[in-house]
Protein backbone atom coordinates (compact mmCIF):
# COMPACT_ATOMS: atom_id res chain seq x y z
CA UNK A 1 123.40 101.05 98.00
CA UNK A 2 125.32 102.56 100.93
CA UNK A 3 125.02 106.19 101.99
CA UNK A 4 128.63 106.86 101.06
CA UNK A 5 127.93 105.69 97.50
CA UNK A 6 125.60 108.65 96.98
CA UNK A 7 128.67 110.83 96.54
CA UNK A 8 129.37 109.00 93.26
CA UNK A 9 125.87 109.70 91.94
CA UNK A 10 124.98 112.58 89.58
CA UNK A 11 124.30 115.86 91.35
CA UNK A 12 120.67 115.80 90.24
CA UNK A 13 120.14 112.40 91.87
CA UNK A 14 121.75 113.55 95.12
CA UNK A 15 119.42 116.57 95.17
CA UNK A 16 116.44 114.33 94.40
CA UNK A 17 117.31 112.03 97.30
CA UNK A 18 117.53 115.05 99.62
CA UNK A 19 114.09 116.15 98.35
CA UNK A 20 112.66 112.72 99.15
CA UNK A 21 114.06 112.73 102.67
CA UNK A 22 113.44 116.35 103.66
CA UNK A 23 110.23 117.22 101.79
CA UNK A 24 108.59 113.85 101.27
CA UNK A 25 109.72 112.40 104.59
CA UNK A 26 110.95 109.13 103.05
CA UNK A 27 113.15 106.87 105.16
CA UNK A 28 116.85 106.34 104.47
CA UNK A 29 116.17 102.80 103.26
CA UNK A 30 113.53 103.99 100.80
CA UNK A 31 115.60 106.85 99.42
CA UNK A 32 118.64 104.62 98.94
CA UNK A 33 116.41 102.15 97.11
CA UNK A 34 115.27 104.92 94.73
CA UNK A 35 118.89 106.00 94.21
CA UNK A 36 119.91 102.39 93.50
CA UNK A 37 117.17 102.09 90.85
CA UNK A 38 118.38 105.28 89.16
CA UNK A 39 121.99 104.12 89.26
CA UNK A 40 121.03 100.91 87.45
CA UNK A 41 119.00 102.92 84.91
CA UNK A 42 121.82 105.33 84.08
CA UNK A 43 124.38 102.52 83.91
CA UNK A 44 122.09 100.75 81.44
CA UNK A 45 121.84 103.90 79.31
CA UNK A 46 125.61 104.43 79.21
CA UNK A 47 126.18 100.80 78.29
CA UNK A 48 123.41 100.66 75.66
CA UNK A 49 124.58 103.92 74.10
CA UNK A 50 128.16 102.67 73.95
CA UNK A 51 129.60 105.46 76.07
CA UNK A 52 131.07 103.27 78.78
CA UNK A 53 134.28 101.22 78.28
CA UNK A 54 133.48 97.93 76.57
CA UNK A 55 135.48 95.95 79.13
CA UNK A 56 133.93 97.68 82.13
CA UNK A 57 131.72 95.48 84.32
CA UNK A 58 128.16 96.75 84.60
CA UNK A 59 128.42 97.32 88.37
CA UNK A 60 131.56 99.42 87.84
CA UNK A 61 130.15 101.86 85.25
CA UNK A 62 130.73 105.43 86.45
CA UNK A 63 127.65 107.67 86.23
CA UNK A 64 128.95 110.68 88.18
CA UNK A 65 129.38 112.64 84.91
CA UNK A 66 125.70 112.45 83.91
CA UNK A 67 124.33 115.98 83.66
CA UNK A 68 121.03 117.67 82.86
CA UNK A 69 121.65 117.48 79.10
CA UNK A 70 122.04 113.73 79.31
CA UNK A 71 118.89 113.42 81.44
CA UNK A 72 117.00 115.61 78.96
CA UNK A 73 117.97 113.22 76.15
CA UNK A 74 116.22 110.25 77.81
CA UNK A 75 113.18 108.95 75.92
CA UNK A 76 110.20 106.82 76.75
CA UNK A 77 111.69 104.05 74.60
CA UNK A 78 114.83 104.15 76.74
CA UNK A 79 112.66 103.33 79.72
CA UNK A 80 110.93 100.43 77.98
CA UNK A 81 114.26 99.01 76.80
CA UNK A 82 115.52 99.32 80.39
CA UNK A 83 112.52 97.37 81.70
CA UNK A 84 113.18 94.64 79.12
CA UNK A 85 116.79 94.52 80.34
CA UNK A 86 115.59 94.27 83.97
CA UNK A 87 113.33 91.37 83.07
CA UNK A 88 115.55 89.41 80.68
CA UNK A 89 119.05 90.14 81.98
CA UNK A 90 118.52 90.73 85.69
CA UNK A 91 115.52 88.49 86.25
CA UNK A 92 113.48 91.19 87.98
CA UNK A 93 109.90 90.25 88.81
CA UNK A 94 106.88 92.25 87.67
CA UNK A 95 106.59 93.71 91.14
CA UNK A 96 110.24 94.83 91.17
CA UNK A 97 109.92 96.37 87.72
CA UNK A 98 106.79 98.19 88.87
CA UNK A 99 108.85 99.76 91.65
CA UNK A 100 111.47 100.82 89.12
CA UNK A 101 108.76 102.44 87.00
CA UNK A 102 107.62 104.39 90.08
CA UNK A 103 111.20 105.55 90.62
CA UNK A 104 111.58 106.78 87.03
CA UNK A 105 108.23 108.55 87.02
CA UNK A 106 108.97 110.24 90.34
CA UNK A 107 112.50 111.35 89.38
CA UNK A 108 111.61 112.76 85.97
CA UNK A 109 108.54 114.50 87.39
CA UNK A 110 110.86 116.09 89.95
CA UNK A 111 113.32 117.20 87.24
CA UNK A 112 110.61 118.61 84.97
CA UNK A 113 107.80 119.90 87.17
CA UNK A 114 109.58 120.66 90.45
CA UNK A 115 113.00 121.85 89.23
CA UNK A 116 112.25 122.73 85.58
CA UNK A 117 115.69 121.45 84.56
CA UNK A 118 114.52 119.42 81.57
CA UNK A 119 112.16 120.61 78.80
CA UNK A 120 109.71 117.71 79.06
CA UNK A 121 108.85 114.66 81.15
CA UNK A 122 109.51 111.56 79.00
CA UNK A 123 107.98 109.25 81.61
CA UNK A 124 104.54 110.81 81.78
CA UNK A 125 103.09 108.01 79.63
CA UNK A 126 105.20 105.20 81.11
CA UNK A 127 102.86 102.42 82.19
CA UNK A 128 103.16 100.14 85.19
CA UNK A 129 103.79 96.43 84.55
CA UNK A 130 100.70 94.44 85.45
CA UNK A 131 101.14 91.65 87.95
CA UNK A 132 98.84 89.29 89.71
CA UNK A 133 98.75 89.10 93.46
CA UNK A 134 99.81 85.61 94.39
CA UNK A 135 97.39 83.81 96.66
CA UNK A 136 100.18 81.39 97.56
CA UNK A 137 103.56 83.13 97.98
CA UNK A 138 106.47 80.96 96.90
CA UNK A 139 108.61 79.61 99.71
CA UNK A 140 111.13 76.90 100.48
CA UNK A 141 109.95 73.82 102.29
CA UNK A 142 111.70 72.73 105.48
CA UNK A 143 113.68 70.14 103.50
CA UNK A 144 114.68 72.69 100.85
CA UNK A 145 115.76 75.10 103.58
CA UNK A 146 118.08 72.42 104.94
CA UNK A 147 119.43 71.84 101.41
CA UNK A 148 120.23 75.54 101.08
CA UNK A 149 121.99 75.73 104.44
CA UNK A 150 123.90 72.55 103.64
CA UNK A 151 125.20 74.05 100.39
CA UNK A 152 127.13 76.84 102.15
CA UNK A 153 130.88 76.44 101.87
CA UNK A 154 134.03 78.31 100.93
CA UNK A 155 136.15 81.15 102.27
CA UNK A 156 133.22 83.14 103.66
CA UNK A 157 131.14 80.19 104.82
CA UNK A 158 130.59 81.50 108.38
CA UNK A 159 129.36 84.86 107.10
CA UNK A 160 127.18 83.39 104.36
CA UNK A 161 125.69 80.76 106.65
CA UNK A 162 124.87 83.44 109.21
CA UNK A 163 123.15 85.62 106.60
CA UNK A 164 121.00 82.80 105.26
CA UNK A 165 120.19 81.65 108.80
CA UNK A 166 118.93 85.14 109.72
CA UNK A 167 116.81 85.30 106.56
CA UNK A 168 115.26 81.90 107.17
CA UNK A 169 114.68 82.35 110.91
CA UNK A 170 113.87 86.03 111.31
CA UNK A 171 112.21 86.94 108.01
CA UNK A 172 114.36 90.04 107.50
CA UNK A 173 114.06 92.21 104.42
CA UNK A 174 117.18 92.46 102.26
CA UNK A 175 117.71 96.14 103.07
CA UNK A 176 117.25 95.44 106.78
CA UNK A 177 119.92 92.75 106.80
CA UNK A 178 122.42 94.86 104.85
CA UNK A 179 121.97 97.80 107.23
CA UNK A 180 122.66 95.73 110.36
CA UNK A 181 125.47 96.87 112.63
CA UNK A 182 127.15 94.49 115.07
CA UNK A 183 126.05 96.89 117.83
CA UNK A 184 122.43 96.04 117.00
CA UNK A 185 122.89 92.61 118.60
CA UNK A 186 121.99 92.73 122.28
CA UNK A 187 123.26 90.58 125.13
CA UNK A 188 119.70 89.45 125.86
CA UNK A 189 119.55 87.55 122.55
CA UNK A 190 117.63 90.17 120.58
CA UNK A 191 118.51 92.30 117.60
CA UNK A 192 117.36 95.82 116.77
CA UNK A 193 115.95 96.15 113.25
CA UNK A 194 115.30 99.40 111.39
CA UNK A 195 112.63 98.72 108.79
CA UNK A 196 110.58 100.69 106.29
CA UNK A 197 109.80 104.24 107.28
CA UNK A 198 112.65 104.12 109.81
CA UNK A 199 110.37 102.11 112.08
CA UNK A 200 112.30 100.13 114.68
CA UNK A 201 111.42 96.73 116.05
CA UNK A 202 113.07 94.09 118.20
CA UNK A 203 113.50 90.56 116.85
CA UNK A 204 114.28 87.66 119.17
CA UNK A 205 117.10 85.43 117.99
CA UNK A 206 116.66 81.68 118.33
CA UNK A 207 119.52 79.30 119.07
CA UNK A 208 120.37 78.73 115.40
CA UNK A 209 120.82 82.48 114.88
CA UNK A 210 122.85 82.97 118.05
CA UNK A 211 125.23 80.14 117.14
CA UNK A 212 125.61 81.38 113.56
CA UNK A 213 126.34 84.93 114.72
CA UNK A 214 128.85 83.66 117.29
CA UNK A 215 130.68 81.58 114.68
CA UNK A 216 130.77 84.49 112.23
CA UNK A 217 131.98 87.03 114.79
CA UNK A 218 134.94 84.74 115.53
CA UNK A 219 136.21 85.19 111.97
CA UNK A 220 134.81 88.64 111.11
CA UNK A 221 137.68 90.88 109.97
CA UNK A 222 138.95 93.42 112.46
CA UNK A 223 142.00 95.01 110.84
CA UNK A 224 141.58 97.30 107.86
CA UNK A 225 137.79 97.37 108.06
CA UNK A 226 136.37 100.39 106.21
CA UNK A 227 132.77 100.23 107.45
CA UNK A 228 133.67 99.52 111.05
CA UNK A 229 130.12 99.28 112.44
CA UNK A 230 128.74 97.02 109.71
CA UNK A 231 127.86 93.49 110.78
CA UNK A 232 128.34 91.80 107.42
CA UNK A 233 131.48 92.71 105.49
CA UNK A 234 132.45 92.06 101.89
CA UNK A 235 135.84 90.74 100.79
CA UNK A 236 136.90 94.40 100.51
CA UNK A 237 135.98 94.88 104.18
CA UNK A 238 133.07 97.17 103.37
CA UNK A 239 129.43 96.77 104.31
CA UNK A 240 127.93 94.16 102.01
CA UNK A 241 125.65 95.65 99.37
CA UNK A 242 122.23 94.29 98.51
CA UNK A 243 123.56 93.19 95.12
CA UNK A 244 126.34 91.18 96.78
CA UNK A 245 123.92 89.45 99.16
CA UNK A 246 121.53 88.65 96.32
CA UNK A 247 124.33 87.12 94.24
CA UNK A 248 125.57 85.12 97.22
CA UNK A 249 122.13 83.68 97.98
CA UNK A 250 121.55 82.85 94.33
CA UNK A 251 124.90 81.05 94.18
CA UNK A 252 123.95 78.75 97.04
CA UNK A 253 120.44 78.20 95.68
CA UNK A 254 122.05 76.90 92.50
CA UNK A 255 124.51 74.74 94.46
CA UNK A 256 121.59 73.27 96.38
CA UNK A 257 119.80 72.39 93.13
CA UNK A 258 117.14 75.05 93.73
CA UNK A 259 118.32 77.66 91.25
CA UNK A 260 115.65 77.05 88.62
CA UNK A 261 112.61 77.18 90.90
CA UNK A 262 112.09 80.92 91.14
CA UNK A 263 113.54 81.35 94.63
CA UNK A 264 115.18 84.60 95.70
CA UNK A 265 116.23 86.51 98.81
CA UNK A 266 112.69 87.74 99.33
CA UNK A 267 111.41 84.17 99.08
CA UNK A 268 113.53 83.41 102.15
CA UNK A 269 111.41 85.97 104.00
CA UNK A 270 108.32 84.14 102.75
CA UNK A 271 109.90 80.92 104.00
CA UNK A 272 110.55 82.21 107.51
CA UNK A 273 107.01 83.52 107.88
CA UNK A 274 105.42 80.40 106.42
CA UNK A 275 107.40 77.93 108.55
CA UNK A 276 106.71 79.92 111.72
CA UNK A 277 103.01 80.00 110.89
CA UNK A 278 102.67 76.38 109.82
CA UNK A 279 104.83 74.64 112.39
CA UNK A 280 105.21 77.11 115.25
CA UNK A 281 103.01 79.08 117.58
CA UNK A 282 103.02 82.28 115.51
CA UNK A 283 99.58 83.59 114.66
CA UNK A 284 98.94 86.49 112.28
CA UNK A 285 99.36 89.18 114.93
CA UNK A 286 102.69 87.73 116.11
CA UNK A 287 103.95 87.49 112.52
CA UNK A 288 102.96 91.12 111.94
CA UNK A 289 105.30 92.17 114.74
CA UNK A 290 108.13 89.88 113.65
CA UNK A 291 108.00 90.99 110.01
CA UNK A 292 107.51 94.68 110.78
CA UNK A 293 104.33 95.14 108.77
CA UNK A 294 102.24 98.28 109.10
CA UNK A 295 98.98 96.61 108.10
CA UNK A 296 97.60 93.20 109.03
CA UNK A 297 96.46 92.67 105.42
CA UNK A 298 100.10 92.60 104.34
CA UNK A 299 100.90 89.87 106.85
CA UNK A 300 98.01 87.70 105.73
CA UNK A 301 99.68 86.88 102.39
CA UNK A 302 102.31 84.95 104.37
CA UNK A 303 99.75 82.86 106.25
CA UNK A 304 98.59 80.80 103.31
CA UNK A 305 97.83 77.16 104.05
CA UNK A 306 98.72 74.16 101.96
CA UNK A 307 96.34 71.45 100.80
CA UNK A 308 97.39 69.06 103.58
CA UNK A 309 96.53 71.64 106.24
CA UNK A 310 93.13 72.15 104.65
CA UNK A 311 92.57 68.39 104.51
CA UNK A 312 93.60 67.99 108.15
CA UNK A 313 91.30 70.80 109.22
CA UNK A 314 88.32 69.25 107.46
CA UNK A 315 89.07 65.79 108.87
CA UNK A 316 89.41 67.28 112.36
CA UNK A 317 85.80 68.47 112.30
CA UNK A 318 84.02 66.40 115.01
CA UNK A 319 81.19 65.76 112.53
CA UNK A 320 83.55 64.20 109.99
CA UNK A 321 82.77 60.65 111.18
CA UNK A 322 79.02 61.02 111.37
CA UNK A 323 77.09 58.72 109.01
CA UNK A 324 73.43 58.46 108.16
CA UNK A 325 72.07 54.89 108.28
CA UNK A 326 68.64 54.31 106.66
CA UNK A 327 66.00 56.30 108.54
CA UNK A 328 67.76 56.15 111.90
CA UNK A 329 69.36 59.23 113.48
CA UNK A 330 72.96 59.84 112.36
CA UNK A 331 75.60 57.92 114.33
CA UNK A 332 79.35 57.76 114.47
């Protein structure tokens, strides 16, 4: 979601976002993520209740007319049906649905306890989806990464190739990529990234990224651009939304024959970190800086090793060739 899209949100949501930023100190990226979750929730309710035009695409459903009476009518079952929709229709992971539960619980607590604008909090008993922490995050192999890049084609091929290249080489988060401005790219071959908590970091661009950015900037629209500072523009010459980038990546995953293997935009971040760790000179501390993690523990999930690495490490032990022969001292 873009900042300008907040104006089309219900007044209560706009006030809630202001509360998050001013009182809770949440970053712009975080608050827009909360607002995006609520927009999807209210669109789902209007569609499921049959109060949006039947021929209206889900992403076009207007929710600006939702008022306190509508919010007060929301039930716990509405929330559970929404989570089923997120899982079955939108393919959201357990972790993503857990974030959406947090959003709902926070918003309705704000409306009931903080603002006293609804008579009860329907989400007080809403439970978090349980999910297991993966010891081996899913990622594309080097060969699969080449397949994905090779699948890029069409009218926006320079833009799409550049986006996927940045994901695979820099390990950017989706929100970070969508918020990039062309002015963030520096002449010294670096790019300024604003991450979670409005924390800024500098990412060095390798040759693949520099070439992809150069090729895209040659064809990036100039006339009639609405979001003039945005690096990546949609066909409507606006800043690309997270939903648009997700759909684009999924399209090319399917073209590359990788669409049924559970890959996603975030898995491209896993891929960048894993390939840098396995085949480059990036240790855990370096990856922490590249990925913009606050805690080292978070980075360590990206530094998993595969069975071949484990086998090579064991075989590299200088004692691996030592054999015991009868009663004589061990020899090699």
